[in-house]
C-alpha atoms as a PDB file:
ATOM      1  CA  UNK A   1      90.446 102.081 103.201  1.00  0.00           C
ATOM      2  CA  UNK A   2      93.545 102.502 105.951  1.00  0.00           C
ATOM      3  CA  UNK A   3      91.993 105.020 107.831  1.00  0.00           C
ATOM      4  CA  UNK A   4      88.570 102.773 108.051  1.00  0.00           C
ATOM      5  CA  UNK A   5      90.639  99.621 109.205  1.00  0.00           C
ATOM      6  CA  UNK A   6      92.990 101.702 111.939  1.00  0.00           C
ATOM      7  CA  UNK A   7      89.219 102.939 112.940  1.00  0.00           C
ATOM      8  CA  UNK A   8      87.497  99.699 113.081  1.00  0.00           C
ATOM      9  CA  UNK A   9      90.520  98.520 115.176  1.00  0.00           C
ATOM     10  CA  UNK A  10      90.161 100.928 117.700  1.00  0.00           C
ATOM     11  CA  UNK A  11      92.674 103.648 116.833  1.00  0.00           C
ATOM     12  CA  UNK A  12      91.284 107.978 115.680  1.00  0.00           C
ATOM     13  CA  UNK A  13      92.443 109.206 113.151  1.00  0.00           C
ATOM     14  CA  UNK A  14      94.245 112.212 111.398  1.00  0.00           C
ATOM     15  CA  UNK A  15      94.998 112.716 107.826  1.00  0.00           C
ATOM     16  CA  UNK A  16      97.301 115.170 106.867  1.00  0.00           C
ATOM     17  CA  UNK A  17      98.048 116.290 103.143  1.00  0.00           C
ATOM     18  CA  UNK A  18     101.689 117.123 102.671  1.00  0.00           C
ATOM     19  CA  UNK A  19     101.287 118.571  99.711  1.00  0.00           C
ATOM     20  CA  UNK A  20      98.472 119.630  96.858  1.00  0.00           C
ATOM     21  CA  UNK A  21      97.428 116.806  95.300  1.00  0.00           C
ATOM     22  CA  UNK A  22      98.177 118.032  92.158  1.00  0.00           C
ATOM     23  CA  UNK A  23     101.712 117.432  92.739  1.00  0.00           C
ATOM     24  CA  UNK A  24     101.411 113.524  94.577  1.00  0.00           C
ATOM     25  CA  UNK A  25      98.929 111.151  94.761  1.00  0.00           C
ATOM     26  CA  UNK A  26     100.488 109.253  97.573  1.00  0.00           C
ATOM     27  CA  UNK A  27     101.279 112.893  99.869  1.00  0.00           C
ATOM     28  CA  UNK A  28      98.696 111.918 103.406  1.00  0.00           C
ATOM     29  CA  UNK A  29     100.368 111.588 106.514  1.00  0.00           C
ATOM     30  CA  UNK A  30      97.792 109.111 108.212  1.00  0.00           C
ATOM     31  CA  UNK A  31      98.732 109.955 112.268  1.00  0.00           C
ATOM     32  CA  UNK A  32      96.617 107.306 114.828  1.00  0.00           C
ATOM     33  CA  UNK A  33      96.611 106.867 118.050  1.00  0.00           C
ATOM     34  CA  UNK A  34      95.065 104.194 119.915  1.00  0.00           C
ATOM     35  CA  UNK A  35      92.177 104.578 122.024  1.00  0.00           C
ATOM     36  CA  UNK A  36      90.728 100.904 122.206  1.00  0.00           C
ATOM     37  CA  UNK A  37      87.314 101.680 121.215  1.00  0.00           C
ATOM     38  CA  UNK A  38      86.242 100.334 117.796  1.00  0.00           C
ATOM     39  CA  UNK A  39      84.243 102.593 115.337  1.00  0.00           C
ATOM     40  CA  UNK A  40      81.634  99.073 114.259  1.00  0.00           C
ATOM     41  CA  UNK A  41      80.236 101.382 111.373  1.00  0.00           C
ATOM     42  CA  UNK A  42      83.854 101.998 110.109  1.00  0.00           C
ATOM     43  CA  UNK A  43      84.444  98.833 109.349  1.00  0.00           C
ATOM     44  CA  UNK A  44      80.926  98.397 107.810  1.00  0.00           C
ATOM     45  CA  UNK A  45      81.736 101.639 105.480  1.00  0.00           C
ATOM     46  CA  UNK A  46      84.888  99.371 104.417  1.00  0.00           C
ATOM     47  CA  UNK A  47      82.898  96.679 103.150  1.00  0.00           C
ATOM     48  CA  UNK A  48      80.316  98.792 101.662  1.00  0.00           C
ATOM     49  CA  UNK A  49      83.517 100.729  99.229  1.00  0.00           C
ATOM     50  CA  UNK A  50      83.877  97.401  98.782  1.00  0.00           C
ATOM     51  CA  UNK A  51      81.397  96.255  96.971  1.00  0.00           C
ATOM     52  CA  UNK A  52      80.672  99.655  95.535  1.00  0.00           C
ATOM     53  CA  UNK A  53      83.808  99.030  93.579  1.00  0.00           C
ATOM     54  CA  UNK A  54      83.414  95.479  92.788  1.00  0.00           C
ATOM     55  CA  UNK A  55      85.873  94.702  94.918  1.00  0.00           C
ATOM     56  CA  UNK A  56      84.736  91.739  96.891  1.00  0.00           C
ATOM     57  CA  UNK A  57      87.468  89.650  96.566  1.00  0.00           C
ATOM     58  CA  UNK A  58      89.213  91.770  98.505  1.00  0.00           C
ATOM     59  CA  UNK A  59      87.108  91.775 102.149  1.00  0.00           C
ATOM     60  CA  UNK A  60      88.937  89.625 103.635  1.00  0.00           C
ATOM     61  CA  UNK A  61      91.972  91.956 103.110  1.00  0.00           C
ATOM     62  CA  UNK A  62      90.676  94.583 104.095  1.00  0.00           C
ATOM     63  CA  UNK A  63      87.392  93.804 106.490  1.00  0.00           C
ATOM     64  CA  UNK A  64      88.310  91.492 109.465  1.00  0.00           C
END
């Protein structure tokens, strides 16, 4: 969701896994560079994910 939010606001995002997921679930480095070109499909995809997971109440927090 973080990456989709960044892309929706005009950032180019790259995610790097620091350690294998079997060792830690919080081990990703997110690097974002502002390009000024928002991706509309990223915002739509974030909304779809929230709907699929039944988390519509979080829409204001993640899809703006």
